[in-house]
Amino acid sequence: MRATSKVHVEYEVLRHLLTRIDLSELEDKMVNDFKNDKNYETLAKRFADGSDSVASMLNNKVNSRLHRLPKKHPAYKEKVIE
């Protein structure tokens, strides 16, 4: 696929980050290494909430670019004006 615009590249980079980056190593370092800690459940919830929050921010960025993708792109969507 050819990079047709800066927005197109931004979209593809964001999608790649969302779908291909494995956070399990980071989760191990920040949460799973502390399974015997009395606050383990809090650590696990904190990590889940934080990573969900970042994923949500990235998804919002992805969605804000859909109408600016090339019209032939499979994810292209016309801008909805409300």
PDB file of N, CA and C in Angstrom:
ATOM      1  N   MET A   1       0.846  -1.164   0.000  1.00  0.00           N
ATOM      2  CA  MET A   1       0.000   0.000   0.000  1.00  0.00           C
ATOM      3  C   MET A   1       0.895   1.231   0.000  1.00  0.00           C
ATOM      4  N   ARG A   2       0.570   2.154  -0.816  1.00  0.00           N
ATOM      5  CA  ARG A   2       1.341   3.388  -0.965  1.00  0.00           C
ATOM      6  C   ARG A   2       0.869   4.427   0.042  1.00  0.00           C
ATOM      7  N   ALA A   3       1.821   5.141   0.632  1.00  0.00           N
ATOM      8  CA  ALA A   3       1.479   6.229   1.556  1.00  0.00           C
ATOM      9  C   ALA A   3       0.987   7.405   0.719  1.00  0.00           C
ATOM     10  N   THR A   4      -0.308   7.654   0.771  1.00  0.00           N
ATOM     11  CA  THR A   4      -0.874   8.678  -0.101  1.00  0.00           C
ATOM     12  C   THR A   4      -0.947  10.055   0.538  1.00  0.00           C
ATOM     13  N   SER A   5      -0.822  10.124   1.856  1.00  0.00           N
ATOM     14  CA  SER A   5      -0.840  11.412   2.540  1.00  0.00           C
ATOM     15  C   SER A   5      -0.303  11.222   3.962  1.00  0.00           C
ATOM     16  N   LYS A   6      -0.015  12.331   4.602  1.00  0.00           N
ATOM     17  CA  LYS A   6       0.444  12.278   5.992  1.00  0.00           C
ATOM     18  C   LYS A   6      -0.636  11.650   6.873  1.00  0.00           C
ATOM     19  N   VAL A   7      -1.890  12.020   6.660  1.00  0.00           N
ATOM     20  CA  VAL A   7      -3.003  11.475   7.454  1.00  0.00           C
ATOM     21  C   VAL A   7      -3.109   9.964   7.244  1.00  0.00           C
ATOM     22  N   HIS A   8      -2.897   9.517   6.025  1.00  0.00           N
ATOM     23  CA  HIS A   8      -2.937   8.083   5.732  1.00  0.00           C
ATOM     24  C   HIS A   8      -1.856   7.358   6.537  1.00  0.00           C
ATOM     25  N   VAL A   9      -0.660   7.906   6.572  1.00  0.00           N
ATOM     26  CA  VAL A   9       0.431   7.304   7.340  1.00  0.00           C
ATOM     27  C   VAL A   9       0.091   7.314   8.831  1.00  0.00           C
ATOM     28  N   GLU A  10      -0.431   8.437   9.335  1.00  0.00           N
ATOM     29  CA  GLU A  10      -0.816   8.514  10.745  1.00  0.00           C
ATOM     30  C   GLU A  10      -1.820   7.414  11.079  1.00  0.00           C
ATOM     31  N   TYR A  11      -2.814   7.239  10.232  1.00  0.00           N
ATOM     32  CA  TYR A  11      -3.834   6.210  10.442  1.00  0.00           C
ATOM     33  C   TYR A  11      -3.189   4.825  10.524  1.00  0.00           C
ATOM     34  N   GLU A  12      -2.328   4.515   9.562  1.00  0.00           N
ATOM     35  CA  GLU A  12      -1.709   3.188   9.523  1.00  0.00           C
ATOM     36  C   GLU A  12      -0.785   2.962  10.719  1.00  0.00           C
ATOM     37  N   VAL A  13      -0.050   3.979  11.139  1.00  0.00           N
ATOM     38  CA  VAL A  13       0.822   3.848  12.310  1.00  0.00           C
ATOM     39  C   VAL A  13      -0.013   3.596  13.560  1.00  0.00           C
ATOM     40  N   LEU A  14      -1.083   4.360  13.731  1.00  0.00           N
ATOM     41  CA  LEU A  14      -1.957   4.171  14.895  1.00  0.00           C
ATOM     42  C   LEU A  14      -2.574   2.777  14.910  1.00  0.00           C
ATOM     43  N   ARG A  15      -3.057   2.310  13.770  1.00  0.00           N
ATOM     44  CA  ARG A  15      -3.641   0.968  13.687  1.00  0.00           C
ATOM     45  C   ARG A  15      -2.583  -0.086  14.027  1.00  0.00           C
ATOM     46  N   HIS A  16      -1.362   0.120  13.545  1.00  0.00           N
ATOM     47  CA  HIS A  16      -0.284  -0.820  13.828  1.00  0.00           C
ATOM     48  C   HIS A  16      -0.007  -0.861  15.335  1.00  0.00           C
ATOM     49  N   LEU A  17       0.051   0.300  15.959  1.00  0.00           N
ATOM     50  CA  LEU A  17       0.285   0.356  17.399  1.00  0.00           C
ATOM     51  C   LEU A  17      -0.819  -0.374  18.160  1.00  0.00           C
ATOM     52  N   LEU A  18      -2.043  -0.177  17.740  1.00  0.00           N
ATOM     53  CA  LEU A  18      -3.178  -0.804  18.434  1.00  0.00           C
ATOM     54  C   LEU A  18      -3.240  -2.306  18.244  1.00  0.00           C
ATOM     55  N   THR A  19      -2.864  -2.784  17.083  1.00  0.00           N
ATOM     56  CA  THR A  19      -3.063  -4.205  16.781  1.00  0.00           C
ATOM     57  C   THR A  19      -1.819  -5.070  16.940  1.00  0.00           C
ATOM     58  N   ARG A  20      -0.639  -4.462  16.941  1.00  0.00           N
ATOM     59  CA  ARG A  20       0.572  -5.276  16.927  1.00  0.00           C
ATOM     60  C   ARG A  20       1.456  -5.146  18.157  1.00  0.00           C
ATOM     61  N   ILE A  21       1.236  -4.151  18.979  1.00  0.00           N
ATOM     62  CA  ILE A  21       2.094  -3.972  20.143  1.00  0.00           C
ATOM     63  C   ILE A  21       1.577  -4.841  21.287  1.00  0.00           C
ATOM     64  N   ASP A  22       2.434  -5.718  21.757  1.00  0.00           N
ATOM     65  CA  ASP A  22       2.087  -6.638  22.840  1.00  0.00           C
ATOM     66  C   ASP A  22       2.534  -6.029  24.166  1.00  0.00           C
ATOM     67  N   LEU A  23       1.598  -5.788  25.048  1.00  0.00           N
ATOM     68  CA  LEU A  23       1.901  -5.174  26.337  1.00  0.00           C
ATOM     69  C   LEU A  23       2.178  -6.193  27.439  1.00  0.00           C
ATOM     70  N   SER A  24       2.218  -7.460  27.108  1.00  0.00           N
ATOM     71  CA  SER A  24       2.364  -8.483  28.155  1.00  0.00           C
ATOM     72  C   SER A  24       3.694  -8.373  28.902  1.00  0.00           C
ATOM     73  N   GLU A  25       4.772  -8.022  28.219  1.00  0.00           N
ATOM     74  CA  GLU A  25       6.062  -7.867  28.905  1.00  0.00           C
ATOM     75  C   GLU A  25       5.994  -6.705  29.895  1.00  0.00           C
ATOM     76  N   LEU A  26       5.390  -5.609  29.490  1.00  0.00           N
ATOM     77  CA  LEU A  26       5.234  -4.465  30.385  1.00  0.00           C
ATOM     78  C   LEU A  26       4.315  -4.819  31.553  1.00  0.00           C
ATOM     79  N   GLU A  27       3.237  -5.542  31.261  1.00  0.00           N
ATOM     80  CA  GLU A  27       2.325  -5.968  32.324  1.00  0.00           C
ATOM     81  C   GLU A  27       3.040  -6.875  33.326  1.00  0.00           C
ATOM     82  N   ASP A  28       3.907  -7.748  32.823  1.00  0.00           N
ATOM     83  CA  ASP A  28       4.683  -8.606  33.727  1.00  0.00           C
ATOM     84  C   ASP A  28       5.531  -7.767  34.678  1.00  0.00           C
ATOM     85  N   LYS A  29       6.204  -6.755  34.128  1.00  0.00           N
ATOM     86  CA  LYS A  29       7.088  -5.915  34.945  1.00  0.00           C
ATOM     87  C   LYS A  29       6.322  -5.059  35.940  1.00  0.00           C
ATOM     88  N   MET A  30       5.144  -4.594  35.534  1.00  0.00           N
ATOM     89  CA  MET A  30       4.405  -3.657  36.382  1.00  0.00           C
ATOM     90  C   MET A  30       3.381  -4.320  37.296  1.00  0.00           C
ATOM     91  N   VAL A  31       2.956  -5.547  36.934  1.00  0.00           N
ATOM     92  CA  VAL A  31       1.870  -6.178  37.692  1.00  0.00           C
ATOM     93  C   VAL A  31       2.214  -7.609  38.100  1.00  0.00           C
ATOM     94  N   ASN A  32       2.442  -8.467  37.132  1.00  0.00           N
ATOM     95  CA  ASN A  32       2.559  -9.899  37.398  1.00  0.00           C
ATOM     96  C   ASN A  32       3.754 -10.274  38.267  1.00  0.00           C
ATOM     97  N   ASP A  33       4.801  -9.459  38.252  1.00  0.00           N
ATOM     98  CA  ASP A  33       5.947  -9.722  39.122  1.00  0.00           C
ATOM     99  C   ASP A  33       5.613  -9.488  40.594  1.00  0.00           C
ATOM    100  N   PHE A  34       4.449  -8.952  40.854  1.00  0.00           N
ATOM    101  CA  PHE A  34       4.037  -8.616  42.219  1.00  0.00           C
ATOM    102  C   PHE A  34       2.811  -9.410  42.667  1.00  0.00           C
ATOM    103  N   LYS A  35       2.691 -10.640  42.181  1.00  0.00           N
ATOM    104  CA  LYS A  35       1.522 -11.469  42.511  1.00  0.00           C
ATOM    105  C   LYS A  35       1.372 -11.723  44.006  1.00  0.00           C
ATOM    106  N   ASN A  36       2.455 -11.689  44.739  1.00  0.00           N
ATOM    107  CA  ASN A  36       2.378 -11.920  46.181  1.00  0.00           C
ATOM    108  C   ASN A  36       2.130 -10.639  46.970  1.00  0.00           C
ATOM    109  N   ASP A  37       2.079  -9.540  46.271  1.00  0.00           N
ATOM    110  CA  ASP A  37       1.836  -8.249  46.922  1.00  0.00           C
ATOM    111  C   ASP A  37       0.382  -8.179  47.382  1.00  0.00           C
ATOM    112  N   LYS A  38       0.165  -7.607  48.539  1.00  0.00           N
ATOM    113  CA  LYS A  38      -1.210  -7.517  49.057  1.00  0.00           C
ATOM    114  C   LYS A  38      -2.083  -6.633  48.165  1.00  0.00           C
ATOM    115  N   ASN A  39      -1.472  -5.761  47.368  1.00  0.00           N
ATOM    116  CA  ASN A  39      -2.226  -4.869  46.480  1.00  0.00           C
ATOM    117  C   ASN A  39      -2.241  -5.355  45.035  1.00  0.00           C
ATOM    118  N   TYR A  40      -2.006  -6.641  44.826  1.00  0.00           N
ATOM    119  CA  TYR A  40      -1.932  -7.177  43.472  1.00  0.00           C
ATOM    120  C   TYR A  40      -3.184  -6.872  42.652  1.00  0.00           C
ATOM    121  N   GLU A  41      -4.346  -7.068  43.221  1.00  0.00           N
ATOM    122  CA  GLU A  41      -5.589  -6.822  42.477  1.00  0.00           C
ATOM    123  C   GLU A  41      -5.703  -5.360  42.068  1.00  0.00           C
ATOM    124  N   THR A  42      -5.260  -4.467  42.942  1.00  0.00           N
ATOM    125  CA  THR A  42      -5.265  -3.041  42.616  1.00  0.00           C
ATOM    126  C   THR A  42      -4.294  -2.752  41.479  1.00  0.00           C
ATOM    127  N   LEU A  43      -3.127  -3.365  41.526  1.00  0.00           N
ATOM    128  CA  LEU A  43      -2.145  -3.190  40.455  1.00  0.00           C
ATOM    129  C   LEU A  43      -2.706  -3.671  39.120  1.00  0.00           C
ATOM    130  N   ALA A  44      -3.350  -4.834  39.139  1.00  0.00           N
ATOM    131  CA  ALA A  44      -3.916  -5.402  37.911  1.00  0.00           C
ATOM    132  C   ALA A  44      -5.007  -4.501  37.339  1.00  0.00           C
ATOM    133  N   LYS A  45      -5.884  -3.998  38.206  1.00  0.00           N
ATOM    134  CA  LYS A  45      -6.952  -3.106  37.749  1.00  0.00           C
ATOM    135  C   LYS A  45      -6.377  -1.799  37.218  1.00  0.00           C
ATOM    136  N   ARG A  46      -5.383  -1.262  37.908  1.00  0.00           N
ATOM    137  CA  ARG A  46      -4.744  -0.012  37.491  1.00  0.00           C
ATOM    138  C   ARG A  46      -4.117  -0.175  36.107  1.00  0.00           C
ATOM    139  N   PHE A  47      -3.426  -1.296  35.881  1.00  0.00           N
ATOM    140  CA  PHE A  47      -2.805  -1.533  34.578  1.00  0.00           C
ATOM    141  C   PHE A  47      -3.864  -1.681  33.491  1.00  0.00           C
ATOM    142  N   ALA A  48      -4.901  -2.447  33.787  1.00  0.00           N
ATOM    143  CA  ALA A  48      -5.976  -2.642  32.807  1.00  0.00           C
ATOM    144  C   ALA A  48      -6.648  -1.313  32.470  1.00  0.00           C
ATOM    145  N   ASP A  49      -6.950  -0.530  33.483  1.00  0.00           N
ATOM    146  CA  ASP A  49      -7.598   0.768  33.253  1.00  0.00           C
ATOM    147  C   ASP A  49      -6.697   1.713  32.463  1.00  0.00           C
ATOM    148  N   GLY A  50      -5.423   1.751  32.816  1.00  0.00           N
ATOM    149  CA  GLY A  50      -4.486   2.634  32.124  1.00  0.00           C
ATOM    150  C   GLY A  50      -4.284   2.239  30.671  1.00  0.00           C
ATOM    151  N   SER A  51      -4.110   0.946  30.427  1.00  0.00           N
ATOM    152  CA  SER A  51      -3.908   0.501  29.048  1.00  0.00           C
ATOM    153  C   SER A  51      -5.196   0.658  28.229  1.00  0.00           C
ATOM    154  N   ASP A  52      -6.352   0.450  28.843  1.00  0.00           N
ATOM    155  CA  ASP A  52      -7.627   0.689  28.148  1.00  0.00           C
ATOM    156  C   ASP A  52      -7.786   2.160  27.790  1.00  0.00           C
ATOM    157  N   SER A  53      -7.356   3.034  28.684  1.00  0.00           N
ATOM    158  CA  SER A  53      -7.448   4.470  28.446  1.00  0.00           C
ATOM    159  C   SER A  53      -6.584   4.887  27.251  1.00  0.00           C
ATOM    160  N   VAL A  54      -5.375   4.359  27.183  1.00  0.00           N
ATOM    161  CA  VAL A  54      -4.489   4.675  26.062  1.00  0.00           C
ATOM    162  C   VAL A  54      -5.070   4.115  24.761  1.00  0.00           C
ATOM    163  N   ALA A  55      -5.592   2.903  24.806  1.00  0.00           N
ATOM    164  CA  ALA A  55      -6.203   2.310  23.611  1.00  0.00           C
ATOM    165  C   ALA A  55      -7.391   3.154  23.144  1.00  0.00           C
ATOM    166  N   SER A  56      -8.159   3.660  24.073  1.00  0.00           N
ATOM    167  CA  SER A  56      -9.298   4.509  23.729  1.00  0.00           C
ATOM    168  C   SER A  56      -8.831   5.803  23.067  1.00  0.00           C
ATOM    169  N   MET A  57      -7.781   6.403  23.597  1.00  0.00           N
ATOM    170  CA  MET A  57      -7.238   7.625  22.990  1.00  0.00           C
ATOM    171  C   MET A  57      -6.761   7.351  21.563  1.00  0.00           C
ATOM    172  N   LEU A  58      -6.052   6.230  21.377  1.00  0.00           N
ATOM    173  CA  LEU A  58      -5.569   5.887  20.039  1.00  0.00           C
ATOM    174  C   LEU A  58      -6.732   5.605  19.090  1.00  0.00           C
ATOM    175  N   ASN A  59      -7.760   4.912  19.579  1.00  0.00           N
ATOM    176  CA  ASN A  59      -8.936   4.651  18.740  1.00  0.00           C
ATOM    177  C   ASN A  59      -9.622   5.939  18.324  1.00  0.00           C
ATOM    178  N   ASN A  60      -9.696   6.903  19.230  1.00  0.00           N
ATOM    179  CA  ASN A  60     -10.284   8.196  18.878  1.00  0.00           C
ATOM    180  C   ASN A  60      -9.482   8.876  17.782  1.00  0.00           C
ATOM    181  N   LYS A  61      -8.164   8.787  17.866  1.00  0.00           N
ATOM    182  CA  LYS A  61      -7.303   9.357  16.822  1.00  0.00           C
ATOM    183  C   LYS A  61      -7.519   8.639  15.491  1.00  0.00           C
ATOM    184  N   VAL A  62      -7.624   7.311  15.536  1.00  0.00           N
ATOM    185  CA  VAL A  62      -7.871   6.536  14.325  1.00  0.00           C
ATOM    186  C   VAL A  62      -9.197   6.971  13.694  1.00  0.00           C
ATOM    187  N   ASN A  63     -10.242   7.022  14.505  1.00  0.00           N
ATOM    188  CA  ASN A  63     -11.568   7.366  13.983  1.00  0.00           C
ATOM    189  C   ASN A  63     -11.632   8.776  13.423  1.00  0.00           C
ATOM    190  N   SER A  64     -10.834   9.679  13.978  1.00  0.00           N
ATOM    191  CA  SER A  64     -10.860  11.053  13.477  1.00  0.00           C
ATOM    192  C   SER A  64     -10.175  11.185  12.117  1.00  0.00           C
ATOM    193  N   ARG A  65      -9.519  10.139  11.662  1.00  0.00           N
ATOM    194  CA  ARG A  65      -8.831  10.179  10.379  1.00  0.00           C
ATOM    195  C   ARG A  65      -9.559   9.404   9.280  1.00  0.00           C
ATOM    196  N   LEU A  66     -10.588   8.664   9.613  1.00  0.00           N
ATOM    197  CA  LEU A  66     -11.251   7.803   8.627  1.00  0.00           C
ATOM    198  C   LEU A  66     -11.778   8.568   7.423  1.00  0.00           C
ATOM    199  N   HIS A  67     -12.325   9.749   7.642  1.00  0.00           N
ATOM    200  CA  HIS A  67     -12.899  10.512   6.532  1.00  0.00           C
ATOM    201  C   HIS A  67     -11.824  11.196   5.681  1.00  0.00           C
ATOM    202  N   ARG A  68     -10.578  11.167   6.146  1.00  0.00           N
ATOM    203  CA  ARG A  68      -9.499  11.798   5.399  1.00  0.00           C
ATOM    204  C   ARG A  68      -8.604  10.782   4.683  1.00  0.00           C
ATOM    205  N   LEU A  69      -8.958   9.514   4.793  1.00  0.00           N
ATOM    206  CA  LEU A  69      -8.214   8.474   4.085  1.00  0.00           C
ATOM    207  C   LEU A  69      -8.539   8.549   2.595  1.00  0.00           C
ATOM    208  N   PRO A  70      -7.703   7.930   1.761  1.00  0.00           N
ATOM    209  CA  PRO A  70      -8.046   7.865   0.339  1.00  0.00           C
ATOM    210  C   PRO A  70      -9.390   7.167   0.166  1.00  0.00           C
ATOM    211  N   LYS A  71     -10.196   7.631  -0.754  1.00  0.00           N
ATOM    212  CA  LYS A  71     -11.548   7.076  -0.920  1.00  0.00           C
ATOM    213  C   LYS A  71     -11.537   5.590  -1.263  1.00  0.00           C
ATOM    214  N   LYS A  72     -10.458   5.090  -1.820  1.00  0.00           N
ATOM    215  CA  LYS A  72     -10.379   3.661  -2.158  1.00  0.00           C
ATOM    216  C   LYS A  72      -9.891   2.804  -0.991  1.00  0.00           C
ATOM    217  N   HIS A  73      -9.518   3.429   0.113  1.00  0.00           N
ATOM    218  CA  HIS A  73      -9.040   2.686   1.281  1.00  0.00           C
ATOM    219  C   HIS A  73     -10.209   1.911   1.888  1.00  0.00           C
ATOM    220  N   PRO A  74     -10.002   0.654   2.293  1.00  0.00           N
ATOM    221  CA  PRO A  74     -11.102  -0.151   2.854  1.00  0.00           C
ATOM    222  C   PRO A  74     -11.740   0.446   4.110  1.00  0.00           C
ATOM    223  N   ALA A  75     -11.000   1.242   4.857  1.00  0.00           N
ATOM    224  CA  ALA A  75     -11.538   1.813   6.095  1.00  0.00           C
ATOM    225  C   ALA A  75     -12.134   3.208   5.893  1.00  0.00           C
ATOM    226  N   TYR A  76     -12.064   3.736   4.677  1.00  0.00           N
ATOM    227  CA  TYR A  76     -12.573   5.090   4.428  1.00  0.00           C
ATOM    228  C   TYR A  76     -14.055   5.203   4.776  1.00  0.00           C
ATOM    229  N   LYS A  77     -14.395   6.299   5.429  1.00  0.00           N
ATOM    230  CA  LYS A  77     -15.799   6.600   5.734  1.00  0.00           C
ATOM    231  C   LYS A  77     -16.021   8.079   5.499  1.00  0.00           C
ATOM    232  N   GLU A  78     -17.134   8.401   4.904  1.00  0.00           N
ATOM    233  CA  GLU A  78     -17.459   9.808   4.696  1.00  0.00           C
ATOM    234  C   GLU A  78     -17.702  10.465   6.030  1.00  0.00           C
ATOM    235  N   LYS A  79     -17.356  11.747   6.104  1.00  0.00           N
ATOM    236  CA  LYS A  79     -17.552  12.493   7.340  1.00  0.00           C
ATOM    237  C   LYS A  79     -19.046  12.717   7.565  1.00  0.00           C
ATOM    238  N   VAL A  80     -19.482  12.424   8.778  1.00  0.00           N
ATOM    239  CA  VAL A  80     -20.884  12.621   9.150  1.00  0.00           C
ATOM    240  C   VAL A  80     -20.976  13.958   9.854  1.00  0.00           C
ATOM    241  N   ILE A  81     -21.775  14.832   9.302  1.00  0.00           N
ATOM    242  CA  ILE A  81     -21.971  16.149   9.908  1.00  0.00           C
ATOM    243  C   ILE A  81     -23.292  16.132  10.672  1.00  0.00           C
ATOM    244  N   GLU A  82     -23.160  16.410  11.956  1.00  0.00           N
ATOM    245  CA  GLU A  82     -24.355  16.358  12.808  1.00  0.00           C
ATOM    246  C   GLU A  82     -24.830  17.739  13.138  1.00  0.00           C
TER     247      GLU A  82
END
